[in-house]
């Protein structure tokens, strides 16, 4: 029998990604939707049958009432970054399993407190973070190739995009005036950090970084661009260039090893070794959301959290990104990274 869950939040990502992913997962059954307003909850549930709606403007059917339902065992939370921790704690306290959208919190201090609170207070419910890039076949394949090519000699990452006024994401009020570090560099950039960490693996973790940051576009506060150098655990150097406010376009994640190189771009992995270039494409990987929801559903059935979704893994993403942002605030002063 499928496990009953609820979607918490009815924004763009919940509507376009989470809902289709839940519907495609046989181990999960959507039973309810919660949003701040009943109108937005209705917009998400349009065309669905037997789905109860909860909202703060519905008498007797708010978030607390949803959490009282015995037939709802878990929740997928996709809310603005600043409010998510409170909703996570309330769900876990009610005994509901939680899969919450990345980033884990607005900063390392808040995330660390949240993880500590969870481990100290919750025994029966699981707390997981959704990071879909960890479920992309291209990055998974790239990581296996890198591990077979000997010592890592360096890494180069570039993620360039221009979030223009009027776009669907920038027009959400909480992104227009973010009350958290980094703006889009946190909200969107944490994906790139997760991909880099997956490719390099724990043995090649970043231990130090020096970065410069800037706000190139007035409508993308507080900053939209980050250029960093990094030092890996084995001493090898690397670079990361990331911007959501540039006319540069495209992304590439590349790692050089003793026996060859590996790069990922648009679902295609290029491996060069022994003087030969091998190209492998993953046309059906999508953006990884269906894979991560499926993995979460399976983990609930098994009673064992998928290691890729632990709060500790998400915290490591945030620690690296925050170190880069902190260095940028200090004009490029090197900052040590927990590993």
C-alpha atoms as a PDB file:
ATOM      1  CA  UNK A   1       0.000   0.000   0.000  1.00  0.00           C
ATOM      2  CA  UNK A   2       1.254   3.463  -0.910  1.00  0.00           C
ATOM      3  CA  UNK A   3       2.302   5.860   1.865  1.00  0.00           C
ATOM      4  CA  UNK A   4       0.055   8.883   2.360  1.00  0.00           C
ATOM      5  CA  UNK A   5       1.819  12.246   2.057  1.00  0.00           C
ATOM      6  CA  UNK A   6       1.037  15.945   1.726  1.00  0.00           C
ATOM      7  CA  UNK A   7       2.607  18.729  -0.316  1.00  0.00           C
ATOM      8  CA  UNK A   8       3.412  21.789   1.762  1.00  0.00           C
ATOM      9  CA  UNK A   9       3.615  24.812  -0.508  1.00  0.00           C
ATOM     10  CA  UNK A  10       2.021  25.422  -3.883  1.00  0.00           C
ATOM     11  CA  UNK A  11       4.616  27.536  -5.656  1.00  0.00           C
ATOM     12  CA  UNK A  12       6.210  27.079  -9.048  1.00  0.00           C
ATOM     13  CA  UNK A  13       8.488  24.187  -8.136  1.00  0.00           C
ATOM     14  CA  UNK A  14       5.803  22.321  -6.203  1.00  0.00           C
ATOM     15  CA  UNK A  15       3.414  22.640  -9.127  1.00  0.00           C
ATOM     16  CA  UNK A  16       5.819  21.924 -11.991  1.00  0.00           C
ATOM     17  CA  UNK A  17       8.155  19.391 -10.347  1.00  0.00           C
ATOM     18  CA  UNK A  18       7.015  17.938  -7.030  1.00  0.00           C
ATOM     19  CA  UNK A  19       3.431  17.186  -8.007  1.00  0.00           C
ATOM     20  CA  UNK A  20       4.299  15.267 -11.214  1.00  0.00           C
ATOM     21  CA  UNK A  21       7.082  13.444  -9.362  1.00  0.00           C
ATOM     22  CA  UNK A  22       4.777  12.339  -6.546  1.00  0.00           C
ATOM     23  CA  UNK A  23       2.137  11.199  -9.038  1.00  0.00           C
ATOM     24  CA  UNK A  24       4.811   9.134 -10.827  1.00  0.00           C
ATOM     25  CA  UNK A  25       5.961   7.422  -7.607  1.00  0.00           C
ATOM     26  CA  UNK A  26       3.967   4.238  -6.835  1.00  0.00           C
ATOM     27  CA  UNK A  27       5.086   4.119  -3.189  1.00  0.00           C
ATOM     28  CA  UNK A  28       3.492   7.522  -2.472  1.00  0.00           C
ATOM     29  CA  UNK A  29      -0.129   8.700  -2.429  1.00  0.00           C
ATOM     30  CA  UNK A  30      -0.921  12.405  -2.311  1.00  0.00           C
ATOM     31  CA  UNK A  31      -3.701  13.028   0.195  1.00  0.00           C
ATOM     32  CA  UNK A  32      -3.508  16.745   0.962  1.00  0.00           C
ATOM     33  CA  UNK A  33      -2.090  20.092  -0.112  1.00  0.00           C
ATOM     34  CA  UNK A  34      -1.263  23.005   2.166  1.00  0.00           C
ATOM     35  CA  UNK A  35      -0.570  26.584   1.164  1.00  0.00           C
ATOM     36  CA  UNK A  36      -0.737  29.975   2.823  1.00  0.00           C
ATOM     37  CA  UNK A  37      -3.940  30.765   0.944  1.00  0.00           C
ATOM     38  CA  UNK A  38      -6.789  28.525  -0.155  1.00  0.00           C
ATOM     39  CA  UNK A  39      -6.626  30.039  -3.645  1.00  0.00           C
ATOM     40  CA  UNK A  40      -3.030  28.916  -4.139  1.00  0.00           C
ATOM     41  CA  UNK A  41      -3.790  25.458  -2.715  1.00  0.00           C
ATOM     42  CA  UNK A  42      -6.626  25.145  -5.234  1.00  0.00           C
ATOM     43  CA  UNK A  43      -4.324  26.174  -8.080  1.00  0.00           C
ATOM     44  CA  UNK A  44      -1.979  23.289  -7.282  1.00  0.00           C
ATOM     45  CA  UNK A  45      -4.703  20.685  -6.830  1.00  0.00           C
ATOM     46  CA  UNK A  46      -6.682  21.534  -9.966  1.00  0.00           C
ATOM     47  CA  UNK A  47      -7.705  18.337 -11.731  1.00  0.00           C
ATOM     48  CA  UNK A  48      -6.848  16.088  -8.779  1.00  0.00           C
ATOM     49  CA  UNK A  49      -9.422  13.922  -7.051  1.00  0.00           C
ATOM     50  CA  UNK A  50      -9.798  13.167  -3.335  1.00  0.00           C
ATOM     51  CA  UNK A  51      -7.218  15.751  -2.275  1.00  0.00           C
ATOM     52  CA  UNK A  52      -8.015  17.795   0.830  1.00  0.00           C
ATOM     53  CA  UNK A  53      -6.925  21.403   0.910  1.00  0.00           C
ATOM     54  CA  UNK A  54      -5.468  23.217   3.917  1.00  0.00           C
ATOM     55  CA  UNK A  55      -4.508  26.862   4.285  1.00  0.00           C
ATOM     56  CA  UNK A  56      -4.142  29.611   6.862  1.00  0.00           C
ATOM     57  CA  UNK A  57      -7.321  31.299   5.628  1.00  0.00           C
ATOM     58  CA  UNK A  58      -9.480  28.155   5.929  1.00  0.00           C
ATOM     59  CA  UNK A  59     -11.333  27.833   9.237  1.00  0.00           C
ATOM     60  CA  UNK A  60     -10.312  24.650  11.041  1.00  0.00           C
ATOM     61  CA  UNK A  61      -8.061  23.460   8.213  1.00  0.00           C
ATOM     62  CA  UNK A  62      -4.658  25.006   8.832  1.00  0.00           C
ATOM     63  CA  UNK A  63      -1.188  23.412   8.928  1.00  0.00           C
ATOM     64  CA  UNK A  64      -1.625  22.093  12.463  1.00  0.00           C
ATOM     65  CA  UNK A  65      -4.844  20.327  11.517  1.00  0.00           C
ATOM     66  CA  UNK A  66      -3.161  18.663   8.540  1.00  0.00           C
ATOM     67  CA  UNK A  67      -0.391  17.392  10.811  1.00  0.00           C
ATOM     68  CA  UNK A  68      -2.959  15.702  13.054  1.00  0.00           C
ATOM     69  CA  UNK A  69      -4.019  13.302  10.288  1.00  0.00           C
ATOM     70  CA  UNK A  70      -2.964   9.711  10.940  1.00  0.00           C
ATOM     71  CA  UNK A  71      -3.210   8.776   7.261  1.00  0.00           C
ATOM     72  CA  UNK A  72      -0.519  11.300   6.307  1.00  0.00           C
ATOM     73  CA  UNK A  73       2.878   9.834   7.173  1.00  0.00           C
ATOM     74  CA  UNK A  74       5.156  12.313   5.405  1.00  0.00           C
ATOM     75  CA  UNK A  75       5.328  15.795   3.901  1.00  0.00           C
ATOM     76  CA  UNK A  76       7.247  17.372   1.033  1.00  0.00           C
ATOM     77  CA  UNK A  77       7.978  20.975   2.004  1.00  0.00           C
ATOM     78  CA  UNK A  78       8.698  23.613  -0.639  1.00  0.00           C
ATOM     79  CA  UNK A  79       8.393  27.006   1.030  1.00  0.00           C
ATOM     80  CA  UNK A  80      10.462  30.228   1.074  1.00  0.00           C
ATOM     81  CA  UNK A  81      13.928  29.708   2.554  1.00  0.00           C
ATOM     82  CA  UNK A  82      13.362  31.823   5.666  1.00  0.00           C
ATOM     83  CA  UNK A  83      10.175  30.074   6.840  1.00  0.00           C
ATOM     84  CA  UNK A  84      11.031  26.449   6.053  1.00  0.00           C
ATOM     85  CA  UNK A  85      12.848  25.552   9.316  1.00  0.00           C
ATOM     86  CA  UNK A  86       9.751  26.328  11.403  1.00  0.00           C
ATOM     87  CA  UNK A  87       7.522  24.167   9.189  1.00  0.00           C
ATOM     88  CA  UNK A  88      10.122  21.387   9.257  1.00  0.00           C
ATOM     89  CA  UNK A  89      10.229  21.374  13.060  1.00  0.00           C
ATOM     90  CA  UNK A  90       6.447  21.371  13.396  1.00  0.00           C
ATOM     91  CA  UNK A  91       6.082  18.445  10.992  1.00  0.00           C
ATOM     92  CA  UNK A  92       8.809  16.391  12.679  1.00  0.00           C
ATOM     93  CA  UNK A  93       7.347  17.116  16.119  1.00  0.00           C
ATOM     94  CA  UNK A  94       4.032  15.756  14.839  1.00  0.00           C
ATOM     95  CA  UNK A  95       5.806  12.549  13.812  1.00  0.00           C
ATOM     96  CA  UNK A  96       5.749  13.173  10.055  1.00  0.00           C
ATOM     97  CA  UNK A  97       8.651  12.225   7.797  1.00  0.00           C
ATOM     98  CA  UNK A  98      10.012  15.330   6.060  1.00  0.00           C
ATOM     99  CA  UNK A  99      11.566  15.918   2.658  1.00  0.00           C
ATOM    100  CA  UNK A 100      12.326  19.649   2.487  1.00  0.00           C
ATOM    101  CA  UNK A 101      13.624  21.612  -0.469  1.00  0.00           C
ATOM    102  CA  UNK A 102      17.209  22.815  -0.513  1.00  0.00           C
ATOM    103  CA  UNK A 103      18.986  24.763   0.848  1.00  0.00           C
ATOM    104  CA  UNK A 104      18.657  23.302   4.326  1.00  0.00           C
ATOM    105  CA  UNK A 105      18.505  26.832   5.776  1.00  0.00           C
ATOM    106  CA  UNK A 106      19.545  30.447   5.144  1.00  0.00           C
ATOM    107  CA  UNK A 107      22.978  30.010   6.720  1.00  0.00           C
ATOM    108  CA  UNK A 108      25.230  27.471   8.415  1.00  0.00           C
ATOM    109  CA  UNK A 109      24.323  28.616  11.933  1.00  0.00           C
ATOM    110  CA  UNK A 110      20.597  28.070  11.356  1.00  0.00           C
ATOM    111  CA  UNK A 111      21.194  24.769   9.568  1.00  0.00           C
ATOM    112  CA  UNK A 112      23.478  23.469  12.303  1.00  0.00           C
ATOM    113  CA  UNK A 113      20.923  24.332  14.974  1.00  0.00           C
ATOM    114  CA  UNK A 114      18.175  22.630  12.968  1.00  0.00           C
ATOM    115  CA  UNK A 115      20.172  19.422  12.501  1.00  0.00           C
ATOM    116  CA  UNK A 116      21.161  19.377  16.183  1.00  0.00           C
ATOM    117  CA  UNK A 117      17.550  19.949  17.263  1.00  0.00           C
ATOM    118  CA  UNK A 118      16.411  17.082  15.048  1.00  0.00           C
ATOM    119  CA  UNK A 119      18.926  14.569  16.358  1.00  0.00           C
ATOM    120  CA  UNK A 120      18.296  15.636  19.968  1.00  0.00           C
ATOM    121  CA  UNK A 121      14.507  15.636  19.903  1.00  0.00           C
ATOM    122  CA  UNK A 122      13.090  13.437  17.143  1.00  0.00           C
ATOM    123  CA  UNK A 123      13.265   9.656  17.291  1.00  0.00           C
ATOM    124  CA  UNK A 124      10.496   8.248  15.095  1.00  0.00           C
ATOM    125  CA  UNK A 125      10.391  10.582  12.058  1.00  0.00           C
ATOM    126  CA  UNK A 126      13.054  11.114   9.392  1.00  0.00           C
ATOM    127  CA  UNK A 127      14.363  14.485   8.230  1.00  0.00           C
ATOM    128  CA  UNK A 128      15.737  14.695   4.691  1.00  0.00           C
ATOM    129  CA  UNK A 129      16.687  17.442   2.240  1.00  0.00           C
ATOM    130  CA  UNK A 130      15.853  17.392  -1.470  1.00  0.00           C
ATOM    131  CA  UNK A 131      18.902  18.067  -3.654  1.00  0.00           C
ATOM    132  CA  UNK A 132      17.975  16.813  -7.113  1.00  0.00           C
ATOM    133  CA  UNK A 133      21.459  17.265  -8.636  1.00  0.00           C
ATOM    134  CA  UNK A 134      22.671  14.367  -6.485  1.00  0.00           C
ATOM    135  CA  UNK A 135      20.260  12.157  -8.425  1.00  0.00           C
ATOM    136  CA  UNK A 136      21.294  13.171 -11.938  1.00  0.00           C
ATOM    137  CA  UNK A 137      22.736  10.190 -13.806  1.00  0.00           C
ATOM    138  CA  UNK A 138      25.287  12.373 -15.611  1.00  0.00           C
ATOM    139  CA  UNK A 139      26.912  13.533 -12.376  1.00  0.00           C
ATOM    140  CA  UNK A 140      26.708  10.070 -10.838  1.00  0.00           C
ATOM    141  CA  UNK A 141      28.421   8.563 -13.881  1.00  0.00           C
ATOM    142  CA  UNK A 142      31.032  11.343 -13.893  1.00  0.00           C
ATOM    143  CA  UNK A 143      31.862  10.666 -10.254  1.00  0.00           C
ATOM    144  CA  UNK A 144      32.495   6.972 -10.961  1.00  0.00           C
ATOM    145  CA  UNK A 145      34.757   7.854 -13.875  1.00  0.00           C
ATOM    146  CA  UNK A 146      36.745  10.346 -11.808  1.00  0.00           C
ATOM    147  CA  UNK A 147      37.278   7.773  -9.070  1.00  0.00           C
ATOM    148  CA  UNK A 148      38.838   5.425 -11.649  1.00  0.00           C
ATOM    149  CA  UNK A 149      41.289   7.926 -13.125  1.00  0.00           C
ATOM    150  CA  UNK A 150      43.733   8.317 -10.255  1.00  0.00           C
ATOM    151  CA  UNK A 151      44.724  11.406  -8.318  1.00  0.00           C
ATOM    152  CA  UNK A 152      42.692  14.547  -8.919  1.00  0.00           C
ATOM    153  CA  UNK A 153      44.853  17.340 -10.336  1.00  0.00           C
ATOM    154  CA  UNK A 154      42.312  20.145 -10.458  1.00  0.00           C
ATOM    155  CA  UNK A 155      38.720  21.199 -11.057  1.00  0.00           C
ATOM    156  CA  UNK A 156      37.062  23.935 -13.094  1.00  0.00           C
ATOM    157  CA  UNK A 157      33.374  24.821 -12.823  1.00  0.00           C
ATOM    158  CA  UNK A 158      31.390  27.523 -14.559  1.00  0.00           C
ATOM    159  CA  UNK A 159      27.660  28.118 -14.161  1.00  0.00           C
ATOM    160  CA  UNK A 160      26.416  31.157 -16.055  1.00  0.00           C
ATOM    161  CA  UNK A 161      22.885  32.415 -16.506  1.00  0.00           C
ATOM    162  CA  UNK A 162      20.979  35.689 -16.692  1.00  0.00           C
ATOM    163  CA  UNK A 163      17.872  35.868 -14.512  1.00  0.00           C
ATOM    164  CA  UNK A 164      16.001  38.652 -16.230  1.00  0.00           C
ATOM    165  CA  UNK A 165      13.177  40.760 -14.772  1.00  0.00           C
ATOM    166  CA  UNK A 166       9.801  39.191 -15.477  1.00  0.00           C
ATOM    167  CA  UNK A 167      11.040  35.605 -15.168  1.00  0.00           C
ATOM    168  CA  UNK A 168       8.829  33.247 -13.179  1.00  0.00           C
ATOM    169  CA  UNK A 169      11.287  32.757 -10.331  1.00  0.00           C
ATOM    170  CA  UNK A 170      12.473  36.340  -9.830  1.00  0.00           C
ATOM    171  CA  UNK A 171       8.869  37.548  -9.730  1.00  0.00           C
ATOM    172  CA  UNK A 172       8.188  35.705  -6.475  1.00  0.00           C
ATOM    173  CA  UNK A 173       8.201  38.326  -3.705  1.00  0.00           C
ATOM    174  CA  UNK A 174      10.642  36.529  -1.389  1.00  0.00           C
ATOM    175  CA  UNK A 175      13.235  36.219  -4.155  1.00  0.00           C
ATOM    176  CA  UNK A 176      12.895  39.862  -5.208  1.00  0.00           C
ATOM    177  CA  UNK A 177      13.919  41.015  -1.750  1.00  0.00           C
ATOM    178  CA  UNK A 178      15.797  38.086  -0.249  1.00  0.00           C
ATOM    179  CA  UNK A 179      16.407  38.162   3.478  1.00  0.00           C
ATOM    180  CA  UNK A 180      19.211  35.658   3.181  1.00  0.00           C
ATOM    181  CA  UNK A 181      22.818  35.569   2.004  1.00  0.00           C
ATOM    182  CA  UNK A 182      23.672  35.306  -1.653  1.00  0.00           C
ATOM    183  CA  UNK A 183      20.255  35.704  -3.271  1.00  0.00           C
ATOM    184  CA  UNK A 184      20.139  33.434  -6.312  1.00  0.00           C
ATOM    185  CA  UNK A 185      23.686  32.267  -5.516  1.00  0.00           C
ATOM    186  CA  UNK A 186      22.207  30.484  -2.488  1.00  0.00           C
ATOM    187  CA  UNK A 187      18.842  29.481  -3.897  1.00  0.00           C
ATOM    188  CA  UNK A 188      20.148  28.236  -7.251  1.00  0.00           C
ATOM    189  CA  UNK A 189      23.883  28.046  -6.704  1.00  0.00           C
ATOM    190  CA  UNK A 190      23.678  25.385  -4.007  1.00  0.00           C
ATOM    191  CA  UNK A 191      22.866  22.932  -6.837  1.00  0.00           C
ATOM    192  CA  UNK A 192      26.259  23.576  -8.413  1.00  0.00           C
ATOM    193  CA  UNK A 193      27.987  23.042  -5.092  1.00  0.00           C
ATOM    194  CA  UNK A 194      26.200  19.706  -4.662  1.00  0.00           C
ATOM    195  CA  UNK A 195      27.293  18.640  -8.162  1.00  0.00           C
ATOM    196  CA  UNK A 196      30.928  19.591  -7.525  1.00  0.00           C
ATOM    197  CA  UNK A 197      30.996  17.731  -4.230  1.00  0.00           C
ATOM    198  CA  UNK A 198      29.417  14.645  -5.814  1.00  0.00           C
ATOM    199  CA  UNK A 199      31.967  14.572  -8.634  1.00  0.00           C
ATOM    200  CA  UNK A 200      34.997  15.103  -6.418  1.00  0.00           C
ATOM    201  CA  UNK A 201      33.924  12.772  -3.606  1.00  0.00           C
ATOM    202  CA  UNK A 202      34.898  13.058   0.073  1.00  0.00           C
ATOM    203  CA  UNK A 203      38.558  12.212  -0.632  1.00  0.00           C
ATOM    204  CA  UNK A 204      38.879  15.400  -2.715  1.00  0.00           C
ATOM    205  CA  UNK A 205      36.781  17.747  -0.608  1.00  0.00           C
ATOM    206  CA  UNK A 206      37.419  21.499  -0.769  1.00  0.00           C
ATOM    207  CA  UNK A 207      39.286  22.617   2.359  1.00  0.00           C
ATOM    208  CA  UNK A 208      39.961  26.287   1.594  1.00  0.00           C
ATOM    209  CA  UNK A 209      38.563  28.958  -0.689  1.00  0.00           C
ATOM    210  CA  UNK A 210      39.173  32.565  -1.708  1.00  0.00           C
ATOM    211  CA  UNK A 211      36.477  34.428  -3.627  1.00  0.00           C
ATOM    212  CA  UNK A 212      35.276  37.719  -5.055  1.00  0.00           C
ATOM    213  CA  UNK A 213      31.576  38.522  -5.320  1.00  0.00           C
ATOM    214  CA  UNK A 214      29.551  41.264  -7.007  1.00  0.00           C
ATOM    215  CA  UNK A 215      26.048  42.456  -7.775  1.00  0.00           C
ATOM    216  CA  UNK A 216      26.037  43.030 -11.533  1.00  0.00           C
ATOM    217  CA  UNK A 217      22.273  43.461 -11.916  1.00  0.00           C
ATOM    218  CA  UNK A 218      20.242  45.896  -9.832  1.00  0.00           C
ATOM    219  CA  UNK A 219      17.259  43.534  -9.663  1.00  0.00           C
ATOM    220  CA  UNK A 220      19.336  40.659  -8.203  1.00  0.00           C
ATOM    221  CA  UNK A 221      20.269  41.692  -4.653  1.00  0.00           C
ATOM    222  CA  UNK A 222      22.356  41.299  -2.599  1.00  0.00           C
ATOM    223  CA  UNK A 223      24.886  39.719  -5.020  1.00  0.00           C
ATOM    224  CA  UNK A 224      24.518  37.699  -8.199  1.00  0.00           C
ATOM    225  CA  UNK A 225      28.090  36.741  -9.154  1.00  0.00           C
ATOM    226  CA  UNK A 226      30.811  34.677  -7.501  1.00  0.00           C
ATOM    227  CA  UNK A 227      34.303  33.800  -8.702  1.00  0.00           C
ATOM    228  CA  UNK A 228      36.314  31.556  -6.406  1.00  0.00           C
ATOM    229  CA  UNK A 229      39.534  29.619  -6.245  1.00  0.00           C
ATOM    230  CA  UNK A 230      39.566  26.475  -4.124  1.00  0.00           C
ATOM    231  CA  UNK A 231      42.115  24.115  -2.606  1.00  0.00           C
ATOM    232  CA  UNK A 232      41.280  20.422  -2.374  1.00  0.00           C
ATOM    233  CA  UNK A 233      42.204  18.074   0.460  1.00  0.00           C
ATOM    234  CA  UNK A 234      45.092  16.666  -1.589  1.00  0.00           C
ATOM    235  CA  UNK A 235      46.461  20.154  -2.254  1.00  0.00           C
ATOM    236  CA  UNK A 236      45.220  20.456  -5.856  1.00  0.00           C
ATOM    237  CA  UNK A 237      43.730  23.810  -6.905  1.00  0.00           C
ATOM    238  CA  UNK A 238      40.472  24.577  -8.660  1.00  0.00           C
ATOM    239  CA  UNK A 239      38.145  27.362  -9.751  1.00  0.00           C
ATOM    240  CA  UNK A 240      34.442  28.107  -9.708  1.00  0.00           C
ATOM    241  CA  UNK A 241      32.765  30.879 -11.674  1.00  0.00           C
ATOM    242  CA  UNK A 242      29.052  31.297 -11.042  1.00  0.00           C
ATOM    243  CA  UNK A 243      26.727  34.109 -12.016  1.00  0.00           C
ATOM    244  CA  UNK A 244      22.987  34.666 -12.409  1.00  0.00           C
ATOM    245  CA  UNK A 245      23.507  38.164 -13.776  1.00  0.00           C
ATOM    246  CA  UNK A 246      25.872  37.780 -16.717  1.00  0.00           C
ATOM    247  CA  UNK A 247      25.609  37.548 -20.477  1.00  0.00           C
ATOM    248  CA  UNK A 248      27.897  34.511 -20.377  1.00  0.00           C
ATOM    249  CA  UNK A 249      25.810  31.393 -20.953  1.00  0.00           C
ATOM    250  CA  UNK A 250      26.038  27.720 -20.137  1.00  0.00           C
ATOM    251  CA  UNK A 251      27.600  25.475 -17.557  1.00  0.00           C
ATOM    252  CA  UNK A 252      30.423  22.962 -17.381  1.00  0.00           C
ATOM    253  CA  UNK A 253      31.806  20.910 -14.527  1.00  0.00           C
ATOM    254  CA  UNK A 254      35.298  19.576 -15.258  1.00  0.00           C
ATOM    255  CA  UNK A 255      37.832  17.558 -13.279  1.00  0.00           C
ATOM    256  CA  UNK A 256      41.399  16.717 -14.327  1.00  0.00           C
ATOM    257  CA  UNK A 257      42.927  13.474 -13.050  1.00  0.00           C
ATOM    258  CA  UNK A 258      46.270  11.718 -13.500  1.00  0.00           C
ATOM    259  CA  UNK A 259      44.880   9.406 -16.164  1.00  0.00           C
ATOM    260  CA  UNK A 260      42.430  11.705 -17.927  1.00  0.00           C
ATOM    261  CA  UNK A 261      39.687  14.321 -17.642  1.00  0.00           C
ATOM    262  CA  UNK A 262      35.939  14.285 -17.054  1.00  0.00           C
ATOM    263  CA  UNK A 263      33.473  17.057 -17.866  1.00  0.00           C
ATOM    264  CA  UNK A 264      29.702  17.370 -17.582  1.00  0.00           C
ATOM    265  CA  UNK A 265      27.539  19.744 -19.601  1.00  0.00           C
ATOM    266  CA  UNK A 266      23.800  19.566 -20.364  1.00  0.00           C
ATOM    267  CA  UNK A 267      23.416  15.920 -19.451  1.00  0.00           C
ATOM    268  CA  UNK A 268      26.460  14.867 -21.457  1.00  0.00           C
ATOM    269  CA  UNK A 269      29.638  13.467 -19.934  1.00  0.00           C
ATOM    270  CA  UNK A 270      32.917  13.630 -21.848  1.00  0.00           C
ATOM    271  CA  UNK A 271      35.730  11.407 -20.625  1.00  0.00           C
ATOM    272  CA  UNK A 272      39.225  11.682 -22.075  1.00  0.00           C
ATOM    273  CA  UNK A 273      41.719   8.916 -21.276  1.00  0.00           C
ATOM    274  CA  UNK A 274      44.473   7.083 -23.105  1.00  0.00           C
ATOM    275  CA  UNK A 275      44.326   9.720 -25.822  1.00  0.00           C
ATOM    276  CA  UNK A 276      40.703   8.902 -26.638  1.00  0.00           C
ATOM    277  CA  UNK A 277      37.528  10.865 -26.031  1.00  0.00           C
ATOM    278  CA  UNK A 278      34.366   9.048 -24.955  1.00  0.00           C
ATOM    279  CA  UNK A 279      31.024  10.859 -24.884  1.00  0.00           C
ATOM    280  CA  UNK A 280      28.005   9.521 -23.011  1.00  0.00           C
ATOM    281  CA  UNK A 281      24.625  11.271 -22.988  1.00  0.00           C
ATOM    282  CA  UNK A 282      21.762  10.969 -20.520  1.00  0.00           C
ATOM    283  CA  UNK A 283      18.776  12.339 -22.459  1.00  0.00           C
ATOM    284  CA  UNK A 284      16.150  11.019 -20.038  1.00  0.00           C
ATOM    285  CA  UNK A 285      17.588  12.184 -16.725  1.00  0.00           C
ATOM    286  CA  UNK A 286      15.466  15.347 -16.586  1.00  0.00           C
ATOM    287  CA  UNK A 287      16.354  17.519 -13.609  1.00  0.00           C
ATOM    288  CA  UNK A 288      16.485  14.714 -11.062  1.00  0.00           C
ATOM    289  CA  UNK A 289      13.312  15.564  -9.119  1.00  0.00           C
ATOM    290  CA  UNK A 290      11.444  12.386 -10.076  1.00  0.00           C
ATOM    291  CA  UNK A 291      14.488  10.340  -9.083  1.00  0.00           C
ATOM    292  CA  UNK A 292      14.822  12.042  -5.700  1.00  0.00           C
ATOM    293  CA  UNK A 293      11.100  11.701  -4.892  1.00  0.00           C
ATOM    294  CA  UNK A 294      11.230   8.041  -5.900  1.00  0.00           C
ATOM    295  CA  UNK A 295      14.264   7.521  -3.664  1.00  0.00           C
ATOM    296  CA  UNK A 296      12.496   9.215  -0.760  1.00  0.00           C
ATOM    297  CA  UNK A 297       9.423   7.031  -1.205  1.00  0.00           C
ATOM    298  CA  UNK A 298      11.567   3.914  -1.270  1.00  0.00           C
ATOM    299  CA  UNK A 299      13.423   5.040   1.850  1.00  0.00           C
ATOM    300  CA  UNK A 300      10.116   5.398   3.706  1.00  0.00           C
ATOM    301  CA  UNK A 301       9.140   1.863   2.713  1.00  0.00           C
ATOM    302  CA  UNK A 302      12.513   0.480   3.794  1.00  0.00           C
ATOM    303  CA  UNK A 303      12.713   2.583   6.938  1.00  0.00           C
ATOM    304  CA  UNK A 304      16.210   3.721   5.989  1.00  0.00           C
ATOM    305  CA  UNK A 305      17.199   7.228   4.876  1.00  0.00           C
ATOM    306  CA  UNK A 306      18.963   7.579   1.512  1.00  0.00           C
ATOM    307  CA  UNK A 307      22.459   8.894   2.316  1.00  0.00           C
ATOM    308  CA  UNK A 308      22.162  11.490  -0.453  1.00  0.00           C
ATOM    309  CA  UNK A 309      19.252  13.148   1.376  1.00  0.00           C
ATOM    310  CA  UNK A 310      20.612  13.488   4.907  1.00  0.00           C
ATOM    311  CA  UNK A 311      20.672  16.951   6.510  1.00  0.00           C
ATOM    312  CA  UNK A 312      24.409  16.505   7.038  1.00  0.00           C
ATOM    313  CA  UNK A 313      24.987  16.196   3.286  1.00  0.00           C
ATOM    314  CA  UNK A 314      22.974  19.358   2.663  1.00  0.00           C
ATOM    315  CA  UNK A 315      24.843  21.128   5.449  1.00  0.00           C
ATOM    316  CA  UNK A 316      28.165  20.387   3.729  1.00  0.00           C
ATOM    317  CA  UNK A 317      26.845  22.030   0.544  1.00  0.00           C
ATOM    318  CA  UNK A 318      25.909  25.107   2.535  1.00  0.00           C
ATOM    319  CA  UNK A 319      29.212  25.199   4.422  1.00  0.00           C
ATOM    320  CA  UNK A 320      31.201  25.351   1.184  1.00  0.00           C
ATOM    321  CA  UNK A 321      28.967  27.974  -0.414  1.00  0.00           C
ATOM    322  CA  UNK A 322      28.891  30.116   2.718  1.00  0.00           C
ATOM    323  CA  UNK A 323      32.702  29.993   2.939  1.00  0.00           C
ATOM    324  CA  UNK A 324      32.878  31.389  -0.610  1.00  0.00           C
ATOM    325  CA  UNK A 325      30.336  34.115   0.168  1.00  0.00           C
ATOM    326  CA  UNK A 326      32.163  35.005   3.388  1.00  0.00           C
ATOM    327  CA  UNK A 327      35.469  35.286   1.527  1.00  0.00           C
ATOM    328  CA  UNK A 328      33.775  37.544  -0.994  1.00  0.00           C
ATOM    329  CA  UNK A 329      32.490  39.796   1.778  1.00  0.00           C
ATOM    330  CA  UNK A 330      36.064  40.077   3.071  1.00  0.00           C
ATOM    331  CA  UNK A 331      37.576  40.967  -0.298  1.00  0.00           C
ATOM    332  CA  UNK A 332      38.986  37.558  -1.118  1.00  0.00           C
ATOM    333  CA  UNK A 333      40.488  36.614   2.257  1.00  0.00           C
ATOM    334  CA  UNK A 334      41.009  32.812   2.295  1.00  0.00           C
ATOM    335  CA  UNK A 335      38.438  30.923   4.373  1.00  0.00           C
ATOM    336  CA  UNK A 336      38.808  27.359   5.666  1.00  0.00           C
ATOM    337  CA  UNK A 337      36.023  24.922   4.825  1.00  0.00           C
ATOM    338  CA  UNK A 338      34.799  22.143   7.083  1.00  0.00           C
ATOM    339  CA  UNK A 339      35.225  18.764   5.419  1.00  0.00           C
END
